[in-house]
Amino acid sequence: MGSELAGQHAAVVISLMQLVKLNRLDPWAYLRDVLARIHSHPSHRLDELLPHRWRPS
């Protein structure tokens, strides 16, 4: 991965994508939606964007 920090970041992304798949979601649809919404989503409600609670906008 190039560095320990890069490896940690990669592990987070890979784990997230595995959760998306376990929840039978389309990974591309999930990422597109979450990345488009995350900047305006209230920080105290970020758990709504986790794969097991996510609902497309």
PDB file of N, CA and C in Angstrom:
ATOM      1  N   MET A   1       0.795  -1.185   0.000  1.00  0.00           N
ATOM      2  CA  MET A   1       0.000   0.000   0.000  1.00  0.00           C
ATOM      3  C   MET A   1       0.850   1.268   0.000  1.00  0.00           C
ATOM      4  N   GLY A   2       2.103   1.171   0.305  1.00  0.00           N
ATOM      5  CA  GLY A   2       2.958   2.341   0.273  1.00  0.00           C
ATOM      6  C   GLY A   2       3.330   2.854   1.648  1.00  0.00           C
ATOM      7  N   SER A   3       2.398   2.772   2.592  1.00  0.00           N
ATOM      8  CA  SER A   3       2.678   3.201   3.961  1.00  0.00           C
ATOM      9  C   SER A   3       1.669   2.554   4.898  1.00  0.00           C
ATOM     10  N   GLU A   4       1.975   2.601   6.163  1.00  0.00           N
ATOM     11  CA  GLU A   4       1.056   2.021   7.150  1.00  0.00           C
ATOM     12  C   GLU A   4      -0.291   2.742   7.135  1.00  0.00           C
ATOM     13  N   LEU A   5      -0.260   4.060   7.025  1.00  0.00           N
ATOM     14  CA  LEU A   5      -1.501   4.840   7.001  1.00  0.00           C
ATOM     15  C   LEU A   5      -2.337   4.512   5.771  1.00  0.00           C
ATOM     16  N   ALA A   6      -1.688   4.377   4.621  1.00  0.00           N
ATOM     17  CA  ALA A   6      -2.410   4.006   3.403  1.00  0.00           C
ATOM     18  C   ALA A   6      -3.038   2.627   3.555  1.00  0.00           C
ATOM     19  N   GLY A   7      -2.337   1.718   4.194  1.00  0.00           N
ATOM     20  CA  GLY A   7      -2.882   0.386   4.451  1.00  0.00           C
ATOM     21  C   GLY A   7      -4.102   0.438   5.352  1.00  0.00           C
ATOM     22  N   GLN A   8      -4.063   1.295   6.358  1.00  0.00           N
ATOM     23  CA  GLN A   8      -5.218   1.445   7.256  1.00  0.00           C
ATOM     24  C   GLN A   8      -6.409   2.018   6.497  1.00  0.00           C
ATOM     25  N   HIS A   9      -6.170   3.006   5.644  1.00  0.00           N
ATOM     26  CA  HIS A   9      -7.261   3.590   4.854  1.00  0.00           C
ATOM     27  C   HIS A   9      -7.844   2.565   3.893  1.00  0.00           C
ATOM     28  N   ALA A  10      -6.980   1.787   3.266  1.00  0.00           N
ATOM     29  CA  ALA A  10      -7.448   0.746   2.349  1.00  0.00           C
ATOM     30  C   ALA A  10      -8.290  -0.285   3.092  1.00  0.00           C
ATOM     31  N   ALA A  11      -7.882  -0.645   4.294  1.00  0.00           N
ATOM     32  CA  ALA A  11      -8.633  -1.617   5.089  1.00  0.00           C
ATOM     33  C   ALA A  11     -10.038  -1.096   5.405  1.00  0.00           C
ATOM     34  N   VAL A  12     -10.161   0.188   5.686  1.00  0.00           N
ATOM     35  CA  VAL A  12     -11.471   0.779   5.963  1.00  0.00           C
ATOM     36  C   VAL A  12     -12.361   0.702   4.727  1.00  0.00           C
ATOM     37  N   VAL A  13     -11.825   1.061   3.578  1.00  0.00           N
ATOM     38  CA  VAL A  13     -12.608   1.053   2.336  1.00  0.00           C
ATOM     39  C   VAL A  13     -13.010  -0.380   1.971  1.00  0.00           C
ATOM     40  N   ILE A  14     -12.086  -1.312   2.083  1.00  0.00           N
ATOM     41  CA  ILE A  14     -12.392  -2.705   1.765  1.00  0.00           C
ATOM     42  C   ILE A  14     -13.452  -3.252   2.709  1.00  0.00           C
ATOM     43  N   SER A  15     -13.349  -2.944   3.991  1.00  0.00           N
ATOM     44  CA  SER A  15     -14.353  -3.391   4.961  1.00  0.00           C
ATOM     45  C   SER A  15     -15.717  -2.801   4.655  1.00  0.00           C
ATOM     46  N   LEU A  16     -15.756  -1.531   4.305  1.00  0.00           N
ATOM     47  CA  LEU A  16     -17.016  -0.880   3.955  1.00  0.00           C
ATOM     48  C   LEU A  16     -17.652  -1.551   2.748  1.00  0.00           C
ATOM     49  N   MET A  17     -16.858  -1.841   1.732  1.00  0.00           N
ATOM     50  CA  MET A  17     -17.396  -2.486   0.526  1.00  0.00           C
ATOM     51  C   MET A  17     -17.893  -3.898   0.819  1.00  0.00           C
ATOM     52  N   GLN A  18     -17.247  -4.599   1.743  1.00  0.00           N
ATOM     53  CA  GLN A  18     -17.741  -5.916   2.128  1.00  0.00           C
ATOM     54  C   GLN A  18     -19.089  -5.799   2.837  1.00  0.00           C
ATOM     55  N   LEU A  19     -19.252  -4.784   3.668  1.00  0.00           N
ATOM     56  CA  LEU A  19     -20.549  -4.559   4.323  1.00  0.00           C
ATOM     57  C   LEU A  19     -21.634  -4.224   3.302  1.00  0.00           C
ATOM     58  N   VAL A  20     -21.274  -3.455   2.297  1.00  0.00           N
ATOM     59  CA  VAL A  20     -22.221  -3.125   1.226  1.00  0.00           C
ATOM     60  C   VAL A  20     -22.680  -4.416   0.549  1.00  0.00           C
ATOM     61  N   LYS A  21     -21.741  -5.282   0.220  1.00  0.00           N
ATOM     62  CA  LYS A  21     -22.081  -6.544  -0.442  1.00  0.00           C
ATOM     63  C   LYS A  21     -22.904  -7.455   0.465  1.00  0.00           C
ATOM     64  N   LEU A  22     -22.552  -7.522   1.745  1.00  0.00           N
ATOM     65  CA  LEU A  22     -23.308  -8.348   2.690  1.00  0.00           C
ATOM     66  C   LEU A  22     -24.756  -7.883   2.822  1.00  0.00           C
ATOM     67  N   ASN A  23     -24.972  -6.586   2.637  1.00  0.00           N
ATOM     68  CA  ASN A  23     -26.321  -6.036   2.707  1.00  0.00           C
ATOM     69  C   ASN A  23     -27.021  -6.048   1.348  1.00  0.00           C
ATOM     70  N   ARG A  24     -26.411  -6.741   0.387  1.00  0.00           N
ATOM     71  CA  ARG A  24     -26.966  -6.934  -0.954  1.00  0.00           C
ATOM     72  C   ARG A  24     -27.287  -5.617  -1.667  1.00  0.00           C
ATOM     73  N   LEU A  25     -26.365  -4.686  -1.521  1.00  0.00           N
ATOM     74  CA  LEU A  25     -26.504  -3.390  -2.176  1.00  0.00           C
ATOM     75  C   LEU A  25     -25.589  -3.331  -3.382  1.00  0.00           C
ATOM     76  N   ASP A  26     -25.934  -2.482  -4.325  1.00  0.00           N
ATOM     77  CA  ASP A  26     -25.070  -2.223  -5.472  1.00  0.00           C
ATOM     78  C   ASP A  26     -23.960  -1.286  -5.003  1.00  0.00           C
ATOM     79  N   PRO A  27     -22.700  -1.748  -4.996  1.00  0.00           N
ATOM     80  CA  PRO A  27     -21.611  -0.909  -4.488  1.00  0.00           C
ATOM     81  C   PRO A  27     -21.492   0.444  -5.184  1.00  0.00           C
ATOM     82  N   TRP A  28     -21.662   0.485  -6.507  1.00  0.00           N
ATOM     83  CA  TRP A  28     -21.530   1.751  -7.231  1.00  0.00           C
ATOM     84  C   TRP A  28     -22.665   2.704  -6.881  1.00  0.00           C
ATOM     85  N   ALA A  29     -23.884   2.192  -6.778  1.00  0.00           N
ATOM     86  CA  ALA A  29     -25.021   3.042  -6.411  1.00  0.00           C
ATOM     87  C   ALA A  29     -24.835   3.588  -5.000  1.00  0.00           C
ATOM     88  N   TYR A  30     -24.383   2.731  -4.096  1.00  0.00           N
ATOM     89  CA  TYR A  30     -24.151   3.151  -2.711  1.00  0.00           C
ATOM     90  C   TYR A  30     -23.097   4.260  -2.653  1.00  0.00           C
ATOM     91  N   LEU A  31     -21.943   4.022  -3.278  1.00  0.00           N
ATOM     92  CA  LEU A  31     -20.870   5.020  -3.239  1.00  0.00           C
ATOM     93  C   LEU A  31     -21.280   6.341  -3.885  1.00  0.00           C
ATOM     94  N   ARG A  32     -21.926   6.263  -5.041  1.00  0.00           N
ATOM     95  CA  ARG A  32     -22.362   7.498  -5.723  1.00  0.00           C
ATOM     96  C   ARG A  32     -23.283   8.309  -4.816  1.00  0.00           C
ATOM     97  N   ASP A  33     -24.249   7.636  -4.222  1.00  0.00           N
ATOM     98  CA  ASP A  33     -25.223   8.335  -3.394  1.00  0.00           C
ATOM     99  C   ASP A  33     -24.580   8.906  -2.124  1.00  0.00           C
ATOM    100  N   VAL A  34     -23.815   8.085  -1.424  1.00  0.00           N
ATOM    101  CA  VAL A  34     -23.216   8.529  -0.159  1.00  0.00           C
ATOM    102  C   VAL A  34     -22.215   9.658  -0.398  1.00  0.00           C
ATOM    103  N   LEU A  35     -21.385   9.530  -1.424  1.00  0.00           N
ATOM    104  CA  LEU A  35     -20.408  10.593  -1.690  1.00  0.00           C
ATOM    105  C   LEU A  35     -21.080  11.893  -2.113  1.00  0.00           C
ATOM    106  N   ALA A  36     -22.214  11.803  -2.770  1.00  0.00           N
ATOM    107  CA  ALA A  36     -22.939  13.015  -3.169  1.00  0.00           C
ATOM    108  C   ALA A  36     -23.619  13.681  -1.974  1.00  0.00           C
ATOM    109  N   ARG A  37     -24.008  12.890  -0.972  1.00  0.00           N
ATOM    110  CA  ARG A  37     -24.765  13.428   0.159  1.00  0.00           C
ATOM    111  C   ARG A  37     -23.934  13.760   1.386  1.00  0.00           C
ATOM    112  N   ILE A  38     -22.782  13.146   1.544  1.00  0.00           N
ATOM    113  CA  ILE A  38     -22.072  13.210   2.823  1.00  0.00           C
ATOM    114  C   ILE A  38     -21.682  14.633   3.228  1.00  0.00           C
ATOM    115  N   HIS A  39     -21.372  15.504   2.269  1.00  0.00           N
ATOM    116  CA  HIS A  39     -20.932  16.865   2.621  1.00  0.00           C
ATOM    117  C   HIS A  39     -22.057  17.707   3.225  1.00  0.00           C
ATOM    118  N   SER A  40     -23.301  17.381   2.928  1.00  0.00           N
ATOM    119  CA  SER A  40     -24.417  18.158   3.480  1.00  0.00           C
ATOM    120  C   SER A  40     -25.214  17.393   4.525  1.00  0.00           C
ATOM    121  N   HIS A  41     -24.827  16.155   4.779  1.00  0.00           N
ATOM    122  CA  HIS A  41     -25.554  15.330   5.753  1.00  0.00           C
ATOM    123  C   HIS A  41     -25.124  15.734   7.166  1.00  0.00           C
ATOM    124  N   PRO A  42     -26.072  15.883   8.089  1.00  0.00           N
ATOM    125  CA  PRO A  42     -25.702  16.270   9.461  1.00  0.00           C
ATOM    126  C   PRO A  42     -24.755  15.247  10.100  1.00  0.00           C
ATOM    127  N   SER A  43     -23.707  15.725  10.724  1.00  0.00           N
ATOM    128  CA  SER A  43     -22.696  14.827  11.297  1.00  0.00           C
ATOM    129  C   SER A  43     -23.264  13.940  12.399  1.00  0.00           C
ATOM    130  N   HIS A  44     -24.285  14.411  13.101  1.00  0.00           N
ATOM    131  CA  HIS A  44     -24.862  13.589  14.168  1.00  0.00           C
ATOM    132  C   HIS A  44     -25.770  12.490  13.625  1.00  0.00           C
ATOM    133  N   ARG A  45     -25.961  12.441  12.299  1.00  0.00           N
ATOM    134  CA  ARG A  45     -26.787  11.399  11.676  1.00  0.00           C
ATOM    135  C   ARG A  45     -26.011  10.605  10.628  1.00  0.00           C
ATOM    136  N   LEU A  46     -24.692  10.583  10.733  1.00  0.00           N
ATOM    137  CA  LEU A  46     -23.879   9.854   9.753  1.00  0.00           C
ATOM    138  C   LEU A  46     -24.168   8.356   9.759  1.00  0.00           C
ATOM    139  N   ASP A  47     -24.637   7.827  10.883  1.00  0.00           N
ATOM    140  CA  ASP A  47     -24.961   6.403  10.934  1.00  0.00           C
ATOM    141  C   ASP A  47     -26.035   6.019   9.923  1.00  0.00           C
ATOM    142  N   GLU A  48     -26.833   6.978   9.467  1.00  0.00           N
ATOM    143  CA  GLU A  48     -27.856   6.715   8.455  1.00  0.00           C
ATOM    144  C   GLU A  48     -27.234   6.343   7.108  1.00  0.00           C
ATOM    145  N   LEU A  49     -25.970   6.669   6.924  1.00  0.00           N
ATOM    146  CA  LEU A  49     -25.299   6.387   5.655  1.00  0.00           C
ATOM    147  C   LEU A  49     -24.536   5.061   5.674  1.00  0.00           C
ATOM    148  N   LEU A  50     -24.544   4.366   6.804  1.00  0.00           N
ATOM    149  CA  LEU A  50     -23.911   3.059   6.871  1.00  0.00           C
ATOM    150  C   LEU A  50     -24.731   2.055   6.058  1.00  0.00           C
ATOM    151  N   PRO A  51     -24.085   1.063   5.483  1.00  0.00           N
ATOM    152  CA  PRO A  51     -24.788   0.156   4.573  1.00  0.00           C
ATOM    153  C   PRO A  51     -26.059  -0.480   5.133  1.00  0.00           C
ATOM    154  N   HIS A  52     -26.068  -0.874   6.391  1.00  0.00           N
ATOM    155  CA  HIS A  52     -27.249  -1.554   6.926  1.00  0.00           C
ATOM    156  C   HIS A  52     -28.424  -0.608   7.187  1.00  0.00           C
ATOM    157  N   ARG A  53     -28.205   0.702   7.151  1.00  0.00           N
ATOM    158  CA  ARG A  53     -29.273   1.673   7.373  1.00  0.00           C
ATOM    159  C   ARG A  53     -29.543   2.565   6.163  1.00  0.00           C
ATOM    160  N   TRP A  54     -28.708   2.480   5.144  1.00  0.00           N
ATOM    161  CA  TRP A  54     -28.771   3.356   3.975  1.00  0.00           C
ATOM    162  C   TRP A  54     -30.042   3.153   3.172  1.00  0.00           C
ATOM    163  N   ARG A  55     -30.621   4.267   2.784  1.00  0.00           N
ATOM    164  CA  ARG A  55     -31.739   4.290   1.840  1.00  0.00           C
ATOM    165  C   ARG A  55     -31.372   5.294   0.750  1.00  0.00           C
ATOM    166  N   PRO A  56     -31.469   4.880  -0.514  1.00  0.00           N
ATOM    167  CA  PRO A  56     -31.077   5.800  -1.590  1.00  0.00           C
ATOM    168  C   PRO A  56     -31.900   7.079  -1.574  1.00  0.00           C
ATOM    169  N   SER A  57     -31.283   8.167  -1.982  1.00  0.00           N
ATOM    170  CA  SER A  57     -32.008   9.447  -2.022  1.00  0.00           C
ATOM    171  C   SER A  57     -32.785   9.572  -3.298  1.00  0.00           C
TER     172      SER A  57
END
